Amino acid sequence: MSSFDIQIILNEIEEFTPEIGFDLVGIDPFGIPGESLYFIDHFETKEAAEAEQKIQYGEYSHIL
């Protein structure tokens, strides 16, 4: 992976990171850099996001 790919991934993460609260995003393991994250839901607390992640989405999701 090149430094250019890493910057694309970091930019994608920044786009999905909310100023307030927490977003649960899915990760497409086959997606290309810059197009591998997709929005699932927004939560006011990290605990609520973590609970939903454990119940519904597992390892192919991340909290931002």
C-alpha atoms as a PDB file:
ATOM      1  CA  MET A   1       0.000   0.000   0.000  1.00  0.00           C
ATOM      2  CA  SER A   2       1.431   3.351  -0.987  1.00  0.00           C
ATOM      3  CA  SER A   3       1.438   6.529   1.092  1.00  0.00           C
ATOM      4  CA  PHE A   4      -1.086   7.902  -1.426  1.00  0.00           C
ATOM      5  CA  ASP A   5      -3.498   5.021  -0.605  1.00  0.00           C
ATOM      6  CA  ILE A   6      -3.041   5.647   3.108  1.00  0.00           C
ATOM      7  CA  GLN A   7      -3.896   9.337   2.659  1.00  0.00           C
ATOM      8  CA  ILE A   8      -7.037   8.391   0.697  1.00  0.00           C
ATOM      9  CA  ILE A   9      -8.103   6.067   3.528  1.00  0.00           C
ATOM     10  CA  LEU A  10      -7.437   8.747   6.157  1.00  0.00           C
ATOM     11  CA  ASN A  11      -9.506  11.246   4.155  1.00  0.00           C
ATOM     12  CA  GLU A  12     -12.372   8.755   3.961  1.00  0.00           C
ATOM     13  CA  ILE A  13     -12.256   8.203   7.736  1.00  0.00           C
ATOM     14  CA  GLU A  14     -12.282  11.973   8.292  1.00  0.00           C
ATOM     15  CA  GLU A  15     -15.379  12.325   6.077  1.00  0.00           C
ATOM     16  CA  PHE A  16     -17.282   9.814   8.215  1.00  0.00           C
ATOM     17  CA  THR A  17     -16.158  11.178  11.599  1.00  0.00           C
ATOM     18  CA  PRO A  18     -18.918  13.345  13.111  1.00  0.00           C
ATOM     19  CA  GLU A  19     -18.250  16.475  15.155  1.00  0.00           C
ATOM     20  CA  ILE A  20     -20.788  15.345  17.778  1.00  0.00           C
ATOM     21  CA  GLY A  21     -21.650  11.780  18.751  1.00  0.00           C
ATOM     22  CA  PHE A  22     -20.478   8.586  17.090  1.00  0.00           C
ATOM     23  CA  ASP A  23     -21.111   7.051  13.685  1.00  0.00           C
ATOM     24  CA  LEU A  24     -21.175   3.323  13.103  1.00  0.00           C
ATOM     25  CA  VAL A  25     -19.741   2.591   9.671  1.00  0.00           C
ATOM     26  CA  GLY A  26     -19.469  -0.621   7.713  1.00  0.00           C
ATOM     27  CA  ILE A  27     -16.234  -1.696   6.093  1.00  0.00           C
ATOM     28  CA  ASP A  28     -16.308  -3.339   2.679  1.00  0.00           C
ATOM     29  CA  PRO A  29     -13.280  -5.659   2.823  1.00  0.00           C
ATOM     30  CA  PHE A  30     -13.251  -5.795  -0.983  1.00  0.00           C
ATOM     31  CA  GLY A  31     -13.693  -2.053  -1.518  1.00  0.00           C
ATOM     32  CA  ILE A  32     -11.028   0.119  -3.057  1.00  0.00           C
ATOM     33  CA  PRO A  33      -9.257   2.726  -0.907  1.00  0.00           C
ATOM     34  CA  GLY A  34     -11.519   5.755  -0.525  1.00  0.00           C
ATOM     35  CA  GLU A  35     -14.710   3.789  -1.209  1.00  0.00           C
ATOM     36  CA  SER A  36     -14.680   1.049   1.405  1.00  0.00           C
ATOM     37  CA  LEU A  37     -16.661   2.690   4.244  1.00  0.00           C
ATOM     38  CA  TYR A  38     -20.430   3.106   4.339  1.00  0.00           C
ATOM     39  CA  PHE A  39     -22.653   4.802   6.917  1.00  0.00           C
ATOM     40  CA  ILE A  40     -24.842   2.571   9.109  1.00  0.00           C
ATOM     41  CA  ASP A  41     -26.190   4.766  11.932  1.00  0.00           C
ATOM     42  CA  HIS A  42     -25.428   7.679  14.270  1.00  0.00           C
ATOM     43  CA  PHE A  43     -25.437   7.446  18.088  1.00  0.00           C
ATOM     44  CA  GLU A  44     -25.178  10.054  20.811  1.00  0.00           C
ATOM     45  CA  THR A  45     -23.001   7.863  23.067  1.00  0.00           C
ATOM     46  CA  LYS A  46     -20.120   5.518  22.391  1.00  0.00           C
ATOM     47  CA  GLU A  47     -21.764   2.878  24.589  1.00  0.00           C
ATOM     48  CA  ALA A  48     -24.898   2.839  22.418  1.00  0.00           C
ATOM     49  CA  ALA A  49     -22.774   2.547  19.263  1.00  0.00           C
ATOM     50  CA  GLU A  50     -20.741  -0.302  20.767  1.00  0.00           C
ATOM     51  CA  ALA A  51     -23.881  -2.165  21.833  1.00  0.00           C
ATOM     52  CA  GLU A  52     -25.365  -1.946  18.336  1.00  0.00           C
ATOM     53  CA  GLN A  53     -22.059  -2.967  16.774  1.00  0.00           C
ATOM     54  CA  LYS A  54     -21.841  -6.125  18.911  1.00  0.00           C
ATOM     55  CA  ILE A  55     -25.444  -7.105  18.268  1.00  0.00           C
ATOM     56  CA  GLN A  56     -25.707  -6.445  14.542  1.00  0.00           C
ATOM     57  CA  TYR A  57     -22.442  -5.884  12.718  1.00  0.00           C
ATOM     58  CA  GLY A  58     -19.370  -7.469  14.302  1.00  0.00           C
ATOM     59  CA  GLU A  59     -15.923  -7.324  12.774  1.00  0.00           C
ATOM     60  CA  TYR A  60     -16.871  -5.549   9.515  1.00  0.00           C
ATOM     61  CA  SER A  61     -17.858  -2.356  11.269  1.00  0.00           C
ATOM     62  CA  HIS A  62     -16.101   0.407  13.163  1.00  0.00           C
ATOM     63  CA  ILE A  63     -17.124   3.296  15.387  1.00  0.00           C
ATOM     64  CA  LEU A  64     -15.926   6.767  14.382  1.00  0.00           C
END
